[in-house]
Amino acid sequence: MSDLISGAIAMASFVIALFFLRFWRNSRDRFFLYFSLSFGIEGVHRIVSALTFDEAEDTPLHYLVRLLAYGLILWAILEKNLPARRRDGK
């Protein structure tokens, strides 16, 4: 049953990643690219976790992968809301 749930979460993560990738292709805004990468990483992580038959999700590797994925989301939000730097040096 846990593999079924992991597969559903992985599929949903990939669908969301494709959704944000489509917006990135239309707008070329890095915000959408970072979100797409984050959900893609989360989907791959779920598949690898299900295939390795590792029932314990409290290992540091699981937390590091999630930290990377959530860090990309946080970085996208911060980058979008920080004031833009001027290119003319002023």
Protein backbone atom coordinates (compact mmCIF):
# COMPACT_ATOMS: atom_id res chain seq x y z
CA MET A 1 0.00 0.00 0.00
CA SER A 2 2.83 2.37 0.77
CA ASP A 3 4.28 1.80 -2.72
CA LEU A 4 0.92 2.72 -4.22
CA ILE A 5 0.85 5.99 -2.28
CA SER A 6 4.48 6.73 -3.20
CA GLY A 7 3.66 6.14 -6.86
CA ALA A 8 0.65 8.45 -6.68
CA ILE A 9 2.72 11.18 -5.02
CA ALA A 10 5.48 10.74 -7.62
CA MET A 11 2.98 10.96 -10.48
CA ALA A 12 1.39 14.06 -8.98
CA SER A 13 4.83 15.64 -8.51
CA PHE A 14 5.72 15.02 -12.16
CA VAL A 15 2.40 16.43 -13.36
CA ILE A 16 2.92 19.55 -11.28
CA ALA A 17 6.51 19.81 -12.58
CA LEU A 18 5.24 19.66 -16.17
CA PHE A 19 2.60 22.25 -15.35
CA PHE A 20 5.24 24.72 -14.10
CA LEU A 21 7.55 23.83 -16.98
CA ARG A 22 4.85 24.87 -19.43
CA PHE A 23 4.54 28.25 -17.70
CA TRP A 24 8.33 28.64 -17.78
CA ARG A 25 8.40 27.96 -21.52
CA ASN A 26 5.77 30.64 -22.11
CA SER A 27 7.18 33.33 -19.83
CA ARG A 28 10.89 32.43 -19.39
CA ASP A 29 10.52 33.43 -15.73
CA ARG A 30 12.96 31.50 -13.53
CA PHE A 31 10.35 31.36 -10.79
CA PHE A 32 8.46 28.67 -12.70
CA LEU A 33 11.68 26.84 -13.61
CA TYR A 34 12.69 26.56 -9.95
CA PHE A 35 9.27 25.27 -8.99
CA SER A 36 9.38 22.73 -11.82
CA LEU A 37 12.82 21.51 -10.74
CA SER A 38 11.67 21.24 -7.14
CA PHE A 39 8.68 19.07 -7.95
CA GLY A 40 10.76 16.98 -10.38
CA ILE A 41 13.32 16.32 -7.64
CA GLU A 42 10.54 15.35 -5.25
CA GLY A 43 9.05 12.94 -7.83
CA VAL A 44 12.39 11.27 -8.51
CA HIS A 45 13.00 11.01 -4.77
CA ARG A 46 9.67 9.22 -4.25
CA ILE A 47 10.39 6.73 -7.04
CA VAL A 48 13.90 5.99 -5.79
CA SER A 49 12.61 5.59 -2.23
CA ALA A 50 9.95 3.13 -3.37
CA LEU A 51 12.37 1.10 -5.50
CA THR A 52 15.07 0.77 -2.84
CA PHE A 53 12.60 -0.73 -0.36
CA ASP A 54 13.88 1.64 2.30
CA GLU A 55 11.05 1.88 4.82
CA ALA A 56 12.87 4.28 7.15
CA GLU A 57 12.43 7.82 5.89
CA ASP A 58 14.30 9.32 8.80
CA THR A 59 17.76 9.00 7.29
CA PRO A 60 19.73 12.17 6.56
CA LEU A 61 19.69 11.53 2.82
CA HIS A 62 15.90 11.82 2.68
CA TYR A 63 16.03 15.08 4.58
CA LEU A 64 18.78 16.49 2.36
CA VAL A 65 16.82 15.77 -0.82
CA ARG A 66 13.72 17.41 0.63
CA LEU A 67 15.82 20.33 1.86
CA LEU A 68 17.11 20.81 -1.68
CA ALA A 69 13.61 20.69 -3.16
CA TYR A 70 12.10 23.05 -0.59
CA GLY A 71 15.16 25.29 -0.78
CA LEU A 72 14.54 25.76 -4.50
CA ILE A 73 10.98 26.83 -3.76
CA LEU A 74 12.16 29.23 -1.07
CA TRP A 75 14.84 30.65 -3.37
CA ALA A 76 12.30 31.16 -6.17
CA ILE A 77 10.00 33.10 -3.83
CA LEU A 78 12.83 35.20 -2.42
CA GLU A 79 14.28 35.94 -5.85
CA LYS A 80 10.88 36.98 -7.15
CA ASN A 81 10.22 39.34 -4.24
CA LEU A 82 13.66 40.91 -3.80
CA PRO A 83 14.15 44.21 -5.60
CA ALA A 84 15.78 43.79 -8.99
CA ARG A 85 19.34 45.00 -9.38
CA ARG A 86 19.87 47.67 -11.95
CA ARG A 87 22.02 46.71 -14.89
CA ASP A 88 23.40 50.19 -15.53
CA GLY A 89 25.42 50.22 -12.31
CA LYS A 90 23.37 52.86 -10.47
